[in-house]
Amino acid sequence: MTVLYTAPRKIDGKDFRWISSGECIQMSGRAGRRGLHNKELYKHVQEKQQELGKFRINEEHSVVSYHHIRTQLNSLGKEFRKWITKPEHLVPYLFRYCSRENHYSYHTMEDAHSPAK
């Protein structure tokens, strides 16, 4: 999903201000549906050169980042459990090794550069 913003500033009463990360999520229809997609892109078109210091990261961003980190940790934990509990995931990474004496043995990819014992 990609959302394109052509004006990252909005009028707030009498002055213009930068939109916050929470407002980006809300305006792009992502409020309440975080973590459902692998990738979410938010882009904005900038008319003139602006200083990076004008972009601010507030508390809302830290909440979104925390949610993203927790989601990634849960995903990595599931992947790790899959690899250590199911040997069929390791079999494709085994290869047959032949020494000079025509002695065959199996090694994992980590052992590819070490000679057979």
PDB file of N, CA and C in Angstrom:
ATOM      1  N   MET A   1       0.843  -1.167   0.000  1.00  0.00           N
ATOM      2  CA  MET A   1       0.000   0.000   0.000  1.00  0.00           C
ATOM      3  C   MET A   1       0.893   1.237   0.000  1.00  0.00           C
ATOM      4  N   THR A   2       0.585   2.190  -0.852  1.00  0.00           N
ATOM      5  CA  THR A   2       1.352   3.430  -0.932  1.00  0.00           C
ATOM      6  C   THR A   2       0.407   4.613  -0.818  1.00  0.00           C
ATOM      7  N   VAL A   3       0.783   5.585  -0.016  1.00  0.00           N
ATOM      8  CA  VAL A   3       0.011   6.814   0.138  1.00  0.00           C
ATOM      9  C   VAL A   3       0.929   7.966  -0.232  1.00  0.00           C
ATOM     10  N   LEU A   4       0.448   8.883  -1.074  1.00  0.00           N
ATOM     11  CA  LEU A   4       1.242  10.025  -1.519  1.00  0.00           C
ATOM     12  C   LEU A   4       0.608  11.304  -0.993  1.00  0.00           C
ATOM     13  N   TYR A   5       1.382  12.088  -0.247  1.00  0.00           N
ATOM     14  CA  TYR A   5       0.928  13.380   0.255  1.00  0.00           C
ATOM     15  C   TYR A   5       1.581  14.473  -0.579  1.00  0.00           C
ATOM     16  N   THR A   6       0.765  15.387  -1.099  1.00  0.00           N
ATOM     17  CA  THR A   6       1.320  16.490  -1.890  1.00  0.00           C
ATOM     18  C   THR A   6       1.570  17.722  -1.030  1.00  0.00           C
ATOM     19  N   ALA A   7       1.021  17.767   0.165  1.00  0.00           N
ATOM     20  CA  ALA A   7       1.235  18.898   1.068  1.00  0.00           C
ATOM     21  C   ALA A   7       1.345  18.362   2.497  1.00  0.00           C
ATOM     22  N   PRO A   8       2.561  18.236   3.016  1.00  0.00           N
ATOM     23  CA  PRO A   8       2.723  17.693   4.363  1.00  0.00           C
ATOM     24  C   PRO A   8       2.444  18.702   5.478  1.00  0.00           C
ATOM     25  N   ARG A   9       1.943  19.878   5.103  1.00  0.00           N
ATOM     26  CA  ARG A   9       1.587  20.890   6.100  1.00  0.00           C
ATOM     27  C   ARG A   9       0.095  21.156   5.996  1.00  0.00           C
ATOM     28  N   LYS A  10      -0.514  21.465   7.121  1.00  0.00           N
ATOM     29  CA  LYS A  10      -1.940  21.782   7.108  1.00  0.00           C
ATOM     30  C   LYS A  10      -2.184  23.029   7.935  1.00  0.00           C
ATOM     31  N   ILE A  11      -3.303  23.672   7.663  1.00  0.00           N
ATOM     32  CA  ILE A  11      -3.630  24.875   8.419  1.00  0.00           C
ATOM     33  C   ILE A  11      -4.316  24.451   9.713  1.00  0.00           C
ATOM     34  N   ASP A  12      -3.866  25.023  10.788  1.00  0.00           N
ATOM     35  CA  ASP A  12      -4.397  24.691  12.104  1.00  0.00           C
ATOM     36  C   ASP A  12      -4.888  25.987  12.749  1.00  0.00           C
ATOM     37  N   GLY A  13      -6.087  26.399  12.387  1.00  0.00           N
ATOM     38  CA  GLY A  13      -6.602  27.677  12.878  1.00  0.00           C
ATOM     39  C   GLY A  13      -6.101  28.814  12.022  1.00  0.00           C
ATOM     40  N   LYS A  14      -4.986  29.443  12.441  1.00  0.00           N
ATOM     41  CA  LYS A  14      -4.461  30.578  11.677  1.00  0.00           C
ATOM     42  C   LYS A  14      -3.092  30.316  11.065  1.00  0.00           C
ATOM     43  N   ASP A  15      -2.363  29.324  11.537  1.00  0.00           N
ATOM     44  CA  ASP A  15      -1.019  29.040  11.037  1.00  0.00           C
ATOM     45  C   ASP A  15      -0.954  27.655  10.394  1.00  0.00           C
ATOM     46  N   PHE A  16       0.097  27.473   9.574  1.00  0.00           N
ATOM     47  CA  PHE A  16       0.360  26.156   9.000  1.00  0.00           C
ATOM     48  C   PHE A  16       1.286  25.383   9.932  1.00  0.00           C
ATOM     49  N   ARG A  17       1.099  24.083  10.004  1.00  0.00           N
ATOM     50  CA  ARG A  17       1.981  23.231  10.795  1.00  0.00           C
ATOM     51  C   ARG A  17       2.159  21.908  10.064  1.00  0.00           C
ATOM     52  N   TRP A  18       3.221  21.184  10.446  1.00  0.00           N
ATOM     53  CA  TRP A  18       3.481  19.873   9.851  1.00  0.00           C
ATOM     54  C   TRP A  18       2.476  18.868  10.390  1.00  0.00           C
ATOM     55  N   ILE A  19       2.032  17.952   9.545  1.00  0.00           N
ATOM     56  CA  ILE A  19       1.118  16.925  10.037  1.00  0.00           C
ATOM     57  C   ILE A  19       1.904  15.909  10.860  1.00  0.00           C
ATOM     58  N   SER A  20       1.268  15.357  11.871  1.00  0.00           N
ATOM     59  CA  SER A  20       1.944  14.405  12.762  1.00  0.00           C
ATOM     60  C   SER A  20       1.835  12.993  12.189  1.00  0.00           C
ATOM     61  N   SER A  21       2.599  12.075  12.753  1.00  0.00           N
ATOM     62  CA  SER A  21       2.560  10.691  12.270  1.00  0.00           C
ATOM     63  C   SER A  21       1.183  10.080  12.491  1.00  0.00           C
ATOM     64  N   GLY A  22       0.526  10.433  13.592  1.00  0.00           N
ATOM     65  CA  GLY A  22      -0.823   9.925  13.842  1.00  0.00           C
ATOM     66  C   GLY A  22      -1.814  10.409  12.800  1.00  0.00           C
ATOM     67  N   GLU A  23      -1.661  11.664  12.376  1.00  0.00           N
ATOM     68  CA  GLU A  23      -2.541  12.201  11.335  1.00  0.00           C
ATOM     69  C   GLU A  23      -2.277  11.524   9.994  1.00  0.00           C
ATOM     70  N   CYS A  24      -1.016  11.205   9.710  1.00  0.00           N
ATOM     71  CA  CYS A  24      -0.698  10.462   8.475  1.00  0.00           C
ATOM     72  C   CYS A  24      -1.409   9.117   8.470  1.00  0.00           C
ATOM     73  N   ILE A  25      -1.332   8.413   9.590  1.00  0.00           N
ATOM     74  CA  ILE A  25      -1.976   7.101   9.689  1.00  0.00           C
ATOM     75  C   ILE A  25      -3.481   7.238   9.526  1.00  0.00           C
ATOM     76  N   GLN A  26      -4.060   8.233  10.176  1.00  0.00           N
ATOM     77  CA  GLN A  26      -5.500   8.421  10.117  1.00  0.00           C
ATOM     78  C   GLN A  26      -5.958   8.809   8.711  1.00  0.00           C
ATOM     79  N   MET A  27      -5.288   9.766   8.070  1.00  0.00           N
ATOM     80  CA  MET A  27      -5.703  10.238   6.751  1.00  0.00           C
ATOM     81  C   MET A  27      -5.510   9.193   5.664  1.00  0.00           C
ATOM     82  N   SER A  28      -4.557   8.292   5.852  1.00  0.00           N
ATOM     83  CA  SER A  28      -4.332   7.280   4.819  1.00  0.00           C
ATOM     84  C   SER A  28      -5.167   6.024   5.059  1.00  0.00           C
ATOM     85  N   GLY A  29      -6.042   6.062   6.049  1.00  0.00           N
ATOM     86  CA  GLY A  29      -6.928   4.934   6.276  1.00  0.00           C
ATOM     87  C   GLY A  29      -6.281   3.784   7.009  1.00  0.00           C
ATOM     88  N   ARG A  30      -5.158   4.016   7.676  1.00  0.00           N
ATOM     89  CA  ARG A  30      -4.440   2.937   8.352  1.00  0.00           C
ATOM     90  C   ARG A  30      -4.749   2.881   9.847  1.00  0.00           C
ATOM     91  N   ALA A  31      -5.557   3.796  10.347  1.00  0.00           N
ATOM     92  CA  ALA A  31      -5.841   3.816  11.784  1.00  0.00           C
ATOM     93  C   ALA A  31      -6.518   2.514  12.198  1.00  0.00           C
ATOM     94  N   GLY A  32      -5.975   1.856  13.192  1.00  0.00           N
ATOM     95  CA  GLY A  32      -6.552   0.621  13.703  1.00  0.00           C
ATOM     96  C   GLY A  32      -6.177  -0.626  12.935  1.00  0.00           C
ATOM     97  N   ARG A  33      -5.387  -0.500  11.869  1.00  0.00           N
ATOM     98  CA  ARG A  33      -5.031  -1.674  11.075  1.00  0.00           C
ATOM     99  C   ARG A  33      -3.529  -1.819  10.932  1.00  0.00           C
ATOM    100  N   ARG A  34      -2.785  -1.455  11.920  1.00  0.00           N
ATOM    101  CA  ARG A  34      -1.334  -1.572  11.844  1.00  0.00           C
ATOM    102  C   ARG A  34      -0.930  -3.035  11.901  1.00  0.00           C
ATOM    103  N   GLY A  35       0.110  -3.395  11.154  1.00  0.00           N
ATOM    104  CA  GLY A  35       0.635  -4.752  11.190  1.00  0.00           C
ATOM    105  C   GLY A  35      -0.065  -5.724  10.261  1.00  0.00           C
ATOM    106  N   LEU A  36      -1.042  -5.269   9.464  1.00  0.00           N
ATOM    107  CA  LEU A  36      -1.743  -6.177   8.556  1.00  0.00           C
ATOM    108  C   LEU A  36      -0.997  -6.374   7.245  1.00  0.00           C
ATOM    109  N   HIS A  37      -0.133  -5.447   6.879  1.00  0.00           N
ATOM    110  CA  HIS A  37       0.616  -5.533   5.631  1.00  0.00           C
ATOM    111  C   HIS A  37       2.108  -5.553   5.942  1.00  0.00           C
ATOM    112  N   ASN A  38       2.880  -6.200   5.053  1.00  0.00           N
ATOM    113  CA  ASN A  38       4.327  -6.250   5.248  1.00  0.00           C
ATOM    114  C   ASN A  38       4.972  -4.889   5.032  1.00  0.00           C
ATOM    115  N   LYS A  39       4.472  -4.141   4.042  1.00  0.00           N
ATOM    116  CA  LYS A  39       5.070  -2.844   3.723  1.00  0.00           C
ATOM    117  C   LYS A  39       3.982  -1.791   3.638  1.00  0.00           C
ATOM    118  N   GLU A  40       4.291  -0.632   4.132  1.00  0.00           N
ATOM    119  CA  GLU A  40       3.419   0.523   4.000  1.00  0.00           C
ATOM    120  C   GLU A  40       4.307   1.718   3.684  1.00  0.00           C
ATOM    121  N   LEU A  41       4.061   2.374   2.576  1.00  0.00           N
ATOM    122  CA  LEU A  41       4.882   3.511   2.162  1.00  0.00           C
ATOM    123  C   LEU A  41       4.078   4.797   2.274  1.00  0.00           C
ATOM    124  N   TYR A  42       4.667   5.803   2.884  1.00  0.00           N
ATOM    125  CA  TYR A  42       4.075   7.124   2.962  1.00  0.00           C
ATOM    126  C   TYR A  42       5.069   8.085   2.325  1.00  0.00           C
ATOM    127  N   LYS A  43       4.634   8.782   1.282  1.00  0.00           N
ATOM    128  CA  LYS A  43       5.530   9.707   0.590  1.00  0.00           C
ATOM    129  C   LYS A  43       4.873  11.070   0.513  1.00  0.00           C
ATOM    130  N   HIS A  44       5.709  12.089   0.430  1.00  0.00           N
ATOM    131  CA  HIS A  44       5.176  13.424   0.197  1.00  0.00           C
ATOM    132  C   HIS A  44       6.017  14.129  -0.858  1.00  0.00           C
ATOM    133  N   VAL A  45       5.345  14.994  -1.609  1.00  0.00           N
ATOM    134  CA  VAL A  45       5.998  15.765  -2.661  1.00  0.00           C
ATOM    135  C   VAL A  45       6.365  17.116  -2.073  1.00  0.00           C
ATOM    136  N   GLN A  46       7.600  17.510  -2.262  1.00  0.00           N
ATOM    137  CA  GLN A  46       8.114  18.740  -1.672  1.00  0.00           C
ATOM    138  C   GLN A  46       8.353  19.753  -2.787  1.00  0.00           C
ATOM    139  N   GLU A  47       7.760  20.933  -2.681  1.00  0.00           N
ATOM    140  CA  GLU A  47       7.903  21.935  -3.730  1.00  0.00           C
ATOM    141  C   GLU A  47       9.248  22.639  -3.696  1.00  0.00           C
ATOM    142  N   LYS A  48       9.764  22.925  -2.541  1.00  0.00           N
ATOM    143  CA  LYS A  48      11.038  23.631  -2.450  1.00  0.00           C
ATOM    144  C   LYS A  48      11.897  23.006  -1.362  1.00  0.00           C
ATOM    145  N   GLN A  49      13.163  23.338  -1.403  1.00  0.00           N
ATOM    146  CA  GLN A  49      14.118  22.799  -0.428  1.00  0.00           C
ATOM    147  C   GLN A  49      13.723  23.222   0.987  1.00  0.00           C
ATOM    148  N   GLN A  50      13.671  22.260   1.887  1.00  0.00           N
ATOM    149  CA  GLN A  50      13.335  22.563   3.269  1.00  0.00           C
ATOM    150  C   GLN A  50      14.382  21.955   4.184  1.00  0.00           C
ATOM    151  N   GLU A  51      14.515  22.524   5.343  1.00  0.00           N
ATOM    152  CA  GLU A  51      15.483  22.009   6.300  1.00  0.00           C
ATOM    153  C   GLU A  51      14.947  20.742   6.951  1.00  0.00           C
ATOM    154  N   LEU A  52      15.848  19.782   7.181  1.00  0.00           N
ATOM    155  CA  LEU A  52      15.435  18.553   7.842  1.00  0.00           C
ATOM    156  C   LEU A  52      15.005  18.798   9.277  1.00  0.00           C
ATOM    157  N   GLY A  53      15.511  19.850   9.886  1.00  0.00           N
ATOM    158  CA  GLY A  53      15.149  20.152  11.262  1.00  0.00           C
ATOM    159  C   GLY A  53      13.679  20.480  11.443  1.00  0.00           C
ATOM    160  N   LYS A  54      13.007  20.844  10.362  1.00  0.00           N
ATOM    161  CA  LYS A  54      11.594  21.178  10.473  1.00  0.00           C
ATOM    162  C   LYS A  54      10.728  19.939  10.623  1.00  0.00           C
ATOM    163  N   PHE A  55      11.253  18.796  10.221  1.00  0.00           N
ATOM    164  CA  PHE A  55      10.510  17.560  10.421  1.00  0.00           C
ATOM    165  C   PHE A  55      10.724  17.128  11.858  1.00  0.00           C
ATOM    166  N   ARG A  56       9.667  16.834  12.556  1.00  0.00           N
ATOM    167  CA  ARG A  56       9.834  16.469  13.954  1.00  0.00           C
ATOM    168  C   ARG A  56       9.257  15.087  14.210  1.00  0.00           C
ATOM    169  N   ILE A  57       9.843  14.427  15.155  1.00  0.00           N
ATOM    170  CA  ILE A  57       9.359  13.123  15.580  1.00  0.00           C
ATOM    171  C   ILE A  57       8.794  13.309  16.977  1.00  0.00           C
ATOM    172  N   ASN A  58       7.533  12.997  17.132  1.00  0.00           N
ATOM    173  CA  ASN A  58       6.911  13.200  18.437  1.00  0.00           C
ATOM    174  C   ASN A  58       6.629  11.864  19.118  1.00  0.00           C
ATOM    175  N   GLU A  59       5.886  11.911  20.202  1.00  0.00           N
ATOM    176  CA  GLU A  59       5.614  10.710  20.983  1.00  0.00           C
ATOM    177  C   GLU A  59       4.826   9.680  20.189  1.00  0.00           C
ATOM    178  N   GLU A  60       3.985  10.128  19.255  1.00  0.00           N
ATOM    179  CA  GLU A  60       3.191   9.190  18.467  1.00  0.00           C
ATOM    180  C   GLU A  60       4.092   8.253  17.681  1.00  0.00           C
ATOM    181  N   HIS A  61       5.198   8.797  17.182  1.00  0.00           N
ATOM    182  CA  HIS A  61       6.115   7.976  16.397  1.00  0.00           C
ATOM    183  C   HIS A  61       6.720   6.872  17.255  1.00  0.00           C
ATOM    184  N   SER A  62       7.032   7.169  18.508  1.00  0.00           N
ATOM    185  CA  SER A  62       7.619   6.142  19.366  1.00  0.00           C
ATOM    186  C   SER A  62       6.623   5.020  19.634  1.00  0.00           C
ATOM    187  N   VAL A  63       5.333   5.330  19.711  1.00  0.00           N
ATOM    188  CA  VAL A  63       4.317   4.288  19.897  1.00  0.00           C
ATOM    189  C   VAL A  63       4.239   3.414  18.657  1.00  0.00           C
ATOM    190  N   VAL A  64       4.251   4.032  17.480  1.00  0.00           N
ATOM    191  CA  VAL A  64       4.216   3.270  16.235  1.00  0.00           C
ATOM    192  C   VAL A  64       5.466   2.409  16.120  1.00  0.00           C
ATOM    193  N   SER A  65       6.632   2.964  16.466  1.00  0.00           N
ATOM    194  CA  SER A  65       7.877   2.208  16.398  1.00  0.00           C
ATOM    195  C   SER A  65       7.850   1.034  17.365  1.00  0.00           C
ATOM    196  N   TYR A  66       7.341   1.237  18.571  1.00  0.00           N
ATOM    197  CA  TYR A  66       7.263   0.159  19.552  1.00  0.00           C
ATOM    198  C   TYR A  66       6.380  -0.962  19.020  1.00  0.00           C
ATOM    199  N   HIS A  67       5.230  -0.594  18.439  1.00  0.00           N
ATOM    200  CA  HIS A  67       4.330  -1.602  17.875  1.00  0.00           C
ATOM    201  C   HIS A  67       5.031  -2.376  16.761  1.00  0.00           C
ATOM    202  N   HIS A  68       5.761  -1.673  15.904  1.00  0.00           N
ATOM    203  CA  HIS A  68       6.476  -2.309  14.795  1.00  0.00           C
ATOM    204  C   HIS A  68       7.564  -3.251  15.318  1.00  0.00           C
ATOM    205  N   ILE A  69       8.302  -2.821  16.320  1.00  0.00           N
ATOM    206  CA  ILE A  69       9.361  -3.660  16.894  1.00  0.00           C
ATOM    207  C   ILE A  69       8.769  -4.913  17.527  1.00  0.00           C
ATOM    208  N   ARG A  70       7.665  -4.774  18.273  1.00  0.00           N
ATOM    209  CA  ARG A  70       7.028  -5.942  18.892  1.00  0.00           C
ATOM    210  C   ARG A  70       6.548  -6.925  17.828  1.00  0.00           C
ATOM    211  N   THR A  71       5.981  -6.418  16.741  1.00  0.00           N
ATOM    212  CA  THR A  71       5.512  -7.281  15.657  1.00  0.00           C
ATOM    213  C   THR A  71       6.673  -8.034  15.032  1.00  0.00           C
ATOM    214  N   GLN A  72       7.788  -7.346  14.784  1.00  0.00           N
ATOM    215  CA  GLN A  72       8.953  -8.004  14.195  1.00  0.00           C
ATOM    216  C   GLN A  72       9.548  -9.042  15.137  1.00  0.00           C
ATOM    217  N   LEU A  73       9.626  -8.742  16.433  1.00  0.00           N
ATOM    218  CA  LEU A  73      10.159  -9.705  17.394  1.00  0.00           C
ATOM    219  C   LEU A  73       9.294 -10.957  17.462  1.00  0.00           C
ATOM    220  N   ASN A  74       7.983 -10.790  17.448  1.00  0.00           N
ATOM    221  CA  ASN A  74       7.090 -11.950  17.450  1.00  0.00           C
ATOM    222  C   ASN A  74       7.287 -12.789  16.202  1.00  0.00           C
ATOM    223  N   SER A  75       7.426 -12.134  15.063  1.00  0.00           N
ATOM    224  CA  SER A  75       7.641 -12.848  13.803  1.00  0.00           C
ATOM    225  C   SER A  75       8.962 -13.610  13.821  1.00  0.00           C
ATOM    226  N   LEU A  76      10.028 -12.958  14.298  1.00  0.00           N
ATOM    227  CA  LEU A  76      11.330 -13.624  14.368  1.00  0.00           C
ATOM    228  C   LEU A  76      11.307 -14.796  15.340  1.00  0.00           C
ATOM    229  N   GLY A  77      10.582 -14.647  16.445  1.00  0.00           N
ATOM    230  CA  GLY A  77      10.464 -15.738  17.406  1.00  0.00           C
ATOM    231  C   GLY A  77       9.793 -16.954  16.797  1.00  0.00           C
ATOM    232  N   LYS A  78       8.750 -16.724  16.000  1.00  0.00           N
ATOM    233  CA  LYS A  78       8.057 -17.831  15.330  1.00  0.00           C
ATOM    234  C   LYS A  78       8.979 -18.504  14.321  1.00  0.00           C
ATOM    235  N   GLU A  79       9.723 -17.708  13.556  1.00  0.00           N
ATOM    236  CA  GLU A  79      10.660 -18.272  12.579  1.00  0.00           C
ATOM    237  C   GLU A  79      11.733 -19.096  13.273  1.00  0.00           C
ATOM    238  N   PHE A  80      12.264 -18.594  14.372  1.00  0.00           N
ATOM    239  CA  PHE A  80      13.315 -19.301  15.102  1.00  0.00           C
ATOM    240  C   PHE A  80      12.796 -20.638  15.620  1.00  0.00           C
ATOM    241  N   ARG A  81      11.590 -20.630  16.204  1.00  0.00           N
ATOM    242  CA  ARG A  81      11.015 -21.885  16.703  1.00  0.00           C
ATOM    243  C   ARG A  81      10.803 -22.879  15.570  1.00  0.00           C
ATOM    244  N   LYS A  82      10.416 -22.389  14.392  1.00  0.00           N
ATOM    245  CA  LYS A  82      10.212 -23.276  13.248  1.00  0.00           C
ATOM    246  C   LYS A  82      11.525 -23.943  12.849  1.00  0.00           C
ATOM    247  N   TRP A  83      12.609 -23.178  12.845  1.00  0.00           N
ATOM    248  CA  TRP A  83      13.899 -23.721  12.423  1.00  0.00           C
ATOM    249  C   TRP A  83      14.480 -24.708  13.429  1.00  0.00           C
ATOM    250  N   ILE A  84      14.298 -24.466  14.715  1.00  0.00           N
ATOM    251  CA  ILE A  84      14.928 -25.357  15.695  1.00  0.00           C
ATOM    252  C   ILE A  84      14.080 -26.577  16.012  1.00  0.00           C
ATOM    253  N   THR A  85      12.801 -26.569  15.665  1.00  0.00           N
ATOM    254  CA  THR A  85      11.952 -27.715  16.000  1.00  0.00           C
ATOM    255  C   THR A  85      11.653 -28.618  14.821  1.00  0.00           C
ATOM    256  N   LYS A  86      11.903 -28.176  13.591  1.00  0.00           N
ATOM    257  CA  LYS A  86      11.587 -28.991  12.414  1.00  0.00           C
ATOM    258  C   LYS A  86      12.845 -29.211  11.582  1.00  0.00           C
ATOM    259  N   PRO A  87      13.415 -30.411  11.643  1.00  0.00           N
ATOM    260  CA  PRO A  87      14.659 -30.662  10.911  1.00  0.00           C
ATOM    261  C   PRO A  87      14.500 -30.583   9.394  1.00  0.00           C
ATOM    262  N   GLU A  88      13.282 -30.733   8.868  1.00  0.00           N
ATOM    263  CA  GLU A  88      13.129 -30.654   7.406  1.00  0.00           C
ATOM    264  C   GLU A  88      13.477 -29.277   6.859  1.00  0.00           C
ATOM    265  N   HIS A  89      13.514 -28.273   7.710  1.00  0.00           N
ATOM    266  CA  HIS A  89      13.936 -26.948   7.253  1.00  0.00           C
ATOM    267  C   HIS A  89      15.454 -26.871   7.098  1.00  0.00           C
ATOM    268  N   LEU A  90      16.175 -27.771   7.735  1.00  0.00           N
ATOM    269  CA  LEU A  90      17.634 -27.779   7.654  1.00  0.00           C
ATOM    270  C   LEU A  90      18.138 -28.609   6.482  1.00  0.00           C
ATOM    271  N   VAL A  91      17.375 -29.620   6.062  1.00  0.00           N
ATOM    272  CA  VAL A  91      17.821 -30.557   5.024  1.00  0.00           C
ATOM    273  C   VAL A  91      18.226 -29.862   3.721  1.00  0.00           C
ATOM    274  N   PRO A  92      17.484 -28.874   3.208  1.00  0.00           N
ATOM    275  CA  PRO A  92      17.930 -28.230   1.959  1.00  0.00           C
ATOM    276  C   PRO A  92      19.290 -27.549   2.063  1.00  0.00           C
ATOM    277  N   TYR A  93      19.767 -27.276   3.274  1.00  0.00           N
ATOM    278  CA  TYR A  93      21.050 -26.607   3.448  1.00  0.00           C
ATOM    279  C   TYR A  93      22.208 -27.585   3.643  1.00  0.00           C
ATOM    280  N   LEU A  94      21.922 -28.865   3.576  1.00  0.00           N
ATOM    281  CA  LEU A  94      22.982 -29.867   3.664  1.00  0.00           C
ATOM    282  C   LEU A  94      23.548 -30.117   2.272  1.00  0.00           C
ATOM    283  N   PHE A  95      24.803 -30.458   2.185  1.00  0.00           N
ATOM    284  CA  PHE A  95      25.375 -30.817   0.893  1.00  0.00           C
ATOM    285  C   PHE A  95      26.340 -31.977   1.081  1.00  0.00           C
ATOM    286  N   ARG A  96      26.553 -32.700   0.003  1.00  0.00           N
ATOM    287  CA  ARG A  96      27.427 -33.863   0.045  1.00  0.00           C
ATOM    288  C   ARG A  96      28.853 -33.418  -0.229  1.00  0.00           C
ATOM    289  N   TYR A  97      29.776 -33.896   0.562  1.00  0.00           N
ATOM    290  CA  TYR A  97      31.172 -33.499   0.453  1.00  0.00           C
ATOM    291  C   TYR A  97      32.007 -34.741   0.164  1.00  0.00           C
ATOM    292  N   CYS A  98      32.874 -34.639  -0.826  1.00  0.00           N
ATOM    293  CA  CYS A  98      33.742 -35.764  -1.178  1.00  0.00           C
ATOM    294  C   CYS A  98      35.189 -35.359  -0.919  1.00  0.00           C
ATOM    295  N   SER A  99      35.857 -36.126  -0.085  1.00  0.00           N
ATOM    296  CA  SER A  99      37.269 -35.850   0.177  1.00  0.00           C
ATOM    297  C   SER A  99      38.116 -36.513  -0.910  1.00  0.00           C
ATOM    298  N   ARG A 100      39.418 -36.333  -0.866  1.00  0.00           N
ATOM    299  CA  ARG A 100      40.305 -36.903  -1.893  1.00  0.00           C
ATOM    300  C   ARG A 100      40.308 -38.431  -1.870  1.00  0.00           C
ATOM    301  N   GLU A 101      39.971 -39.008  -0.738  1.00  0.00           N
ATOM    302  CA  GLU A 101      39.977 -40.473  -0.625  1.00  0.00           C
ATOM    303  C   GLU A 101      38.617 -41.070  -0.976  1.00  0.00           C
ATOM    304  N   ASN A 102      37.761 -40.293  -1.670  1.00  0.00           N
ATOM    305  CA  ASN A 102      36.413 -40.730  -2.033  1.00  0.00           C
ATOM    306  C   ASN A 102      35.575 -41.096  -0.810  1.00  0.00           C
ATOM    307  N   HIS A 103      35.801 -40.392   0.242  1.00  0.00           N
ATOM    308  CA  HIS A 103      34.992 -40.572   1.443  1.00  0.00           C
ATOM    309  C   HIS A 103      33.915 -39.481   1.433  1.00  0.00           C
ATOM    310  N   TYR A 104      32.650 -39.881   1.487  1.00  0.00           N
ATOM    311  CA  TYR A 104      31.543 -38.930   1.414  1.00  0.00           C
ATOM    312  C   TYR A 104      30.976 -38.655   2.800  1.00  0.00           C
ATOM    313  N   SER A 105      30.640 -37.433   3.035  1.00  0.00           N
ATOM    314  CA  SER A 105      29.967 -37.064   4.279  1.00  0.00           C
ATOM    315  C   SER A 105      29.078 -35.851   4.002  1.00  0.00           C
ATOM    316  N   TYR A 106      28.193 -35.547   4.916  1.00  0.00           N
ATOM    317  CA  TYR A 106      27.273 -34.424   4.758  1.00  0.00           C
ATOM    318  C   TYR A 106      27.649 -33.303   5.717  1.00  0.00           C
ATOM    319  N   HIS A 107      27.560 -32.082   5.228  1.00  0.00           N
ATOM    320  CA  HIS A 107      27.907 -30.905   6.017  1.00  0.00           C
ATOM    321  C   HIS A 107      26.818 -29.858   5.844  1.00  0.00           C
ATOM    322  N   THR A 108      26.764 -28.947   6.772  1.00  0.00           N
ATOM    323  CA  THR A 108      25.878 -27.795   6.603  1.00  0.00           C
ATOM    324  C   THR A 108      26.650 -26.711   5.867  1.00  0.00           C
ATOM    325  N   MET A 109      25.941 -25.700   5.398  1.00  0.00           N
ATOM    326  CA  MET A 109      26.580 -24.635   4.627  1.00  0.00           C
ATOM    327  C   MET A 109      27.628 -23.890   5.452  1.00  0.00           C
ATOM    328  N   GLU A 110      27.478 -23.840   6.755  1.00  0.00           N
ATOM    329  CA  GLU A 110      28.469 -23.157   7.585  1.00  0.00           C
ATOM    330  C   GLU A 110      29.811 -23.874   7.539  1.00  0.00           C
ATOM    331  N   ASP A 111      29.793 -25.202   7.277  1.00  0.00           N
ATOM    332  CA  ASP A 111      31.013 -25.997   7.243  1.00  0.00           C
ATOM    333  C   ASP A 111      31.580 -26.138   5.830  1.00  0.00           C
ATOM    334  N   ALA A 112      31.101 -25.358   4.890  1.00  0.00           N
ATOM    335  CA  ALA A 112      31.475 -25.531   3.486  1.00  0.00           C
ATOM    336  C   ALA A 112      32.970 -25.346   3.248  1.00  0.00           C
ATOM    337  N   HIS A 113      33.640 -24.502   4.002  1.00  0.00           N
ATOM    338  CA  HIS A 113      35.058 -24.227   3.768  1.00  0.00           C
ATOM    339  C   HIS A 113      35.986 -25.059   4.643  1.00  0.00           C
ATOM    340  N   SER A 114      35.427 -25.858   5.520  1.00  0.00           N
ATOM    341  CA  SER A 114      36.284 -26.687   6.369  1.00  0.00           C
ATOM    342  C   SER A 114      36.357 -28.105   5.802  1.00  0.00           C
ATOM    343  N   PRO A 115      37.500 -28.756   5.883  1.00  0.00           N
ATOM    344  CA  PRO A 115      37.636 -30.110   5.330  1.00  0.00           C
ATOM    345  C   PRO A 115      36.868 -31.127   6.168  1.00  0.00           C
ATOM    346  N   ALA A 116      36.492 -32.231   5.540  1.00  0.00           N
ATOM    347  CA  ALA A 116      35.773 -33.297   6.248  1.00  0.00           C
ATOM    348  C   ALA A 116      36.716 -34.016   7.194  1.00  0.00           C
ATOM    349  N   LYS A 117      36.182 -34.494   8.298  1.00  0.00           N
ATOM    350  CA  LYS A 117      37.010 -35.196   9.282  1.00  0.00           C
ATOM    351  C   LYS A 117      36.788 -36.680   9.202  1.00  0.00           C
TER     352      LYS A 117
END
